[in-house]
Structure formats: C-alpha cells, structure tokens
Amino acid sequence: MTPPQRRRRDPDPEPSQQPPKEGEGKNPERLYIITGPDGERAPLDLVTLIVARAEPPSSATPEQSAVLRMCRAPLAVAEVSAYLSLPFSVVTVLLTEMLAAELVQARAPIVRQHLPDRSLLEAVMHGLQRL
C-alpha cells in the first residue's frame, strides 16, 4: 500500500508577467476598426483640452460614447487616452473624427504667466512706499 500524496500548502508562484508596452496586448484589428482606413489626425497635443458638445448619438461607437461621457468637463487628450486604455495615436484619430462631426471641441490649455505684469508690480511698490 502506498502512502497518500501530500499537497504543498504554498504552490510554486507563477512567474510575474510584465505589463504590455504601448501597442502590445491589444488586438491590432480592433485598433484598426476604431481608427478606420483613413487614419487622419488633427494637430492635437497631449495637453489639448477636449470638451463634449453633445450627448452621445445612437450611432456613436462605444469609444465615442465613452469620450463624450468623460469630457463633460474638460479633459486633456493624454487623460482620455489613459482612461480608454488606448494608444495616443488611436485616440487622436478618434478625436479627429469627433471634431469633424462637431461632437467635441478642442481647446488650448490654460497657460499661466510665470511673471506678474510689470505695471502691477510698480503700482504695488509705489503704494507700499506711500505708506
């Protein structure tokens, strides 16, 4: 009679998998379907703000509907790309189509001045000197 086999309490850990790089792990046919054969791109930057101008129409793709829901408040193109888990190049093609259909609006990011206006500084300085 053979003794019963014992099972290990801690099985060998599985090898850790590296996260896929951009473009890997996604089905390339799916990305082609999203972008279409044209693949034209508007000159969008990573920090260009996207704002929805309409509710998702019934003919919108799932990605377009997701963008329209996300961009009720302004979002940068990089954020849209991250939330959709799609490469930046695919998102720019998707947004170009949406810009042409006037579903979204692209805005330049708000840039703050690094230095205050010189006339304002002089006015403050003169006001302090009068005190």
Protein backbone atom coordinates (compact mmCIF):
# COMPACT_ATOMS: atom_id res chain seq x y z
CA MET A 1 0.00 0.00 0.00
CA THR A 2 1.36 3.42 -0.97
CA PRO A 3 1.22 6.35 1.42
CA PRO A 4 -1.14 9.19 0.48
CA GLN A 5 0.40 12.01 -1.52
CA ARG A 6 0.67 15.32 0.32
CA ARG A 7 -0.09 18.55 -1.39
CA ARG A 8 2.06 21.58 -0.85
CA ARG A 9 0.49 24.38 1.07
CA ASP A 10 2.32 27.02 -0.91
CA PRO A 11 2.37 26.07 -4.57
CA ASP A 12 5.20 27.43 -6.69
CA PRO A 13 4.43 31.05 -7.54
CA GLU A 14 3.65 31.72 -11.16
CA PRO A 15 6.19 33.88 -12.98
CA SER A 16 5.22 37.54 -12.87
CA GLN A 17 4.10 38.96 -16.16
CA GLN A 18 5.42 42.30 -17.36
CA PRO A 19 2.74 44.83 -18.32
CA PRO A 20 2.40 45.10 -22.09
CA LYS A 21 4.05 48.03 -23.85
CA GLU A 22 2.01 50.53 -25.84
CA GLY A 23 0.53 48.80 -28.85
CA GLU A 24 1.20 45.32 -27.47
CA GLY A 25 -1.52 43.28 -25.87
CA LYS A 26 -4.24 44.99 -27.89
CA ASN A 27 -5.78 43.33 -30.86
CA PRO A 28 -4.42 45.33 -33.84
CA GLU A 29 -7.56 44.60 -35.85
CA ARG A 30 -9.64 46.23 -33.12
CA LEU A 31 -7.47 49.36 -33.19
CA TYR A 32 -7.84 49.47 -36.99
CA ILE A 33 -11.62 49.24 -36.66
CA ILE A 34 -11.61 52.13 -34.18
CA THR A 35 -9.46 54.39 -36.37
CA GLY A 36 -10.79 53.35 -39.75
CA PRO A 37 -8.84 53.20 -43.01
CA ASP A 38 -8.18 56.96 -43.30
CA GLY A 39 -6.38 57.49 -40.03
CA GLU A 40 -6.28 61.28 -40.44
CA ARG A 41 -5.22 63.22 -37.38
CA ALA A 42 -5.93 66.73 -36.17
CA PRO A 43 -2.96 68.59 -34.68
CA LEU A 44 -3.74 67.61 -31.08
CA ASP A 45 -1.19 67.86 -28.29
CA LEU A 46 -1.06 65.75 -25.13
CA VAL A 47 -2.34 68.70 -23.10
CA THR A 48 -5.06 69.87 -25.50
CA LEU A 49 -8.34 70.02 -23.60
CA ILE A 50 -11.34 68.17 -25.02
CA VAL A 51 -14.90 69.19 -24.11
CA ALA A 52 -18.08 67.39 -25.17
CA ARG A 53 -20.54 69.49 -27.14
CA ALA A 54 -23.37 66.96 -27.35
CA GLU A 55 -24.80 63.83 -25.82
CA PRO A 56 -23.73 60.53 -27.41
CA PRO A 57 -25.88 59.88 -30.51
CA SER A 58 -27.31 56.42 -31.06
CA SER A 59 -24.91 55.92 -33.99
CA ALA A 60 -21.81 56.57 -31.84
CA THR A 61 -19.26 53.82 -31.28
CA PRO A 62 -18.65 52.66 -27.69
CA GLU A 63 -15.38 54.60 -27.61
CA GLN A 64 -17.05 57.79 -28.84
CA SER A 65 -19.79 57.42 -26.25
CA ALA A 66 -17.18 56.95 -23.52
CA VAL A 67 -15.31 60.07 -24.65
CA LEU A 68 -18.49 62.14 -24.67
CA ARG A 69 -19.40 60.98 -21.16
CA MET A 70 -15.89 61.61 -19.82
CA CYS A 71 -15.47 65.02 -21.42
CA ARG A 72 -18.47 66.75 -19.93
CA ALA A 73 -15.78 68.63 -18.02
CA PRO A 74 -12.56 69.46 -19.91
CA LEU A 75 -10.05 66.61 -20.07
CA ALA A 76 -6.58 66.51 -21.64
CA VAL A 77 -6.05 64.18 -24.59
CA ALA A 78 -3.47 62.26 -22.53
CA GLU A 79 -6.10 61.65 -19.83
CA VAL A 80 -8.64 60.46 -22.39
CA SER A 81 -6.03 58.07 -23.78
CA ALA A 82 -5.25 56.73 -20.31
CA TYR A 83 -8.89 56.29 -19.29
CA LEU A 84 -9.72 54.44 -22.52
CA SER A 85 -6.51 52.36 -22.33
CA LEU A 86 -5.83 53.16 -25.98
CA PRO A 87 -2.63 54.44 -27.57
CA PHE A 88 -2.36 58.21 -28.06
CA SER A 89 -2.25 57.80 -31.86
CA VAL A 90 -5.56 55.91 -31.88
CA VAL A 91 -7.22 58.47 -29.60
CA THR A 92 -6.10 61.36 -31.84
CA VAL A 93 -7.71 59.70 -34.87
CA LEU A 94 -10.88 59.06 -32.85
CA LEU A 95 -10.98 62.67 -31.64
CA THR A 96 -10.34 63.97 -35.18
CA GLU A 97 -13.48 62.19 -36.37
CA MET A 98 -15.42 63.58 -33.40
CA LEU A 99 -14.12 67.11 -34.06
CA ALA A 100 -15.25 66.85 -37.70
CA ALA A 101 -18.71 65.72 -36.55
CA GLU A 102 -18.74 68.61 -34.00
CA LEU A 103 -19.34 66.23 -31.12
CA VAL A 104 -16.38 67.61 -29.17
CA GLN A 105 -14.45 70.85 -29.03
CA ALA A 106 -10.66 71.15 -28.65
CA ARG A 107 -9.28 73.98 -26.52
CA ALA A 108 -5.74 75.12 -25.93
CA PRO A 109 -4.59 74.53 -22.36
CA ILE A 110 -4.73 77.45 -19.97
CA VAL A 111 -1.24 78.83 -19.56
CA ARG A 112 -0.45 80.89 -16.52
CA GLN A 113 2.00 83.71 -16.77
CA HIS A 114 5.20 82.98 -14.94
CA LEU A 115 5.88 86.61 -14.08
CA PRO A 116 3.32 89.16 -12.97
CA ASP A 117 2.76 92.25 -15.08
CA ARG A 118 5.47 94.87 -14.56
CA SER A 119 2.96 97.73 -14.24
CA LEU A 120 1.17 95.83 -11.46
CA LEU A 121 4.42 95.35 -9.56
CA GLU A 122 5.27 99.03 -9.92
CA ALA A 123 1.82 100.05 -8.68
CA VAL A 124 2.17 97.80 -5.62
CA MET A 125 5.69 99.12 -4.95
CA HIS A 126 4.55 102.77 -5.16
CA GLY A 127 1.60 102.01 -2.91
CA LEU A 128 3.87 100.45 -0.31
CA GLN A 129 6.27 103.38 -0.48
CA ARG A 130 3.43 105.82 0.26
CA LEU A 131 2.61 104.00 3.50
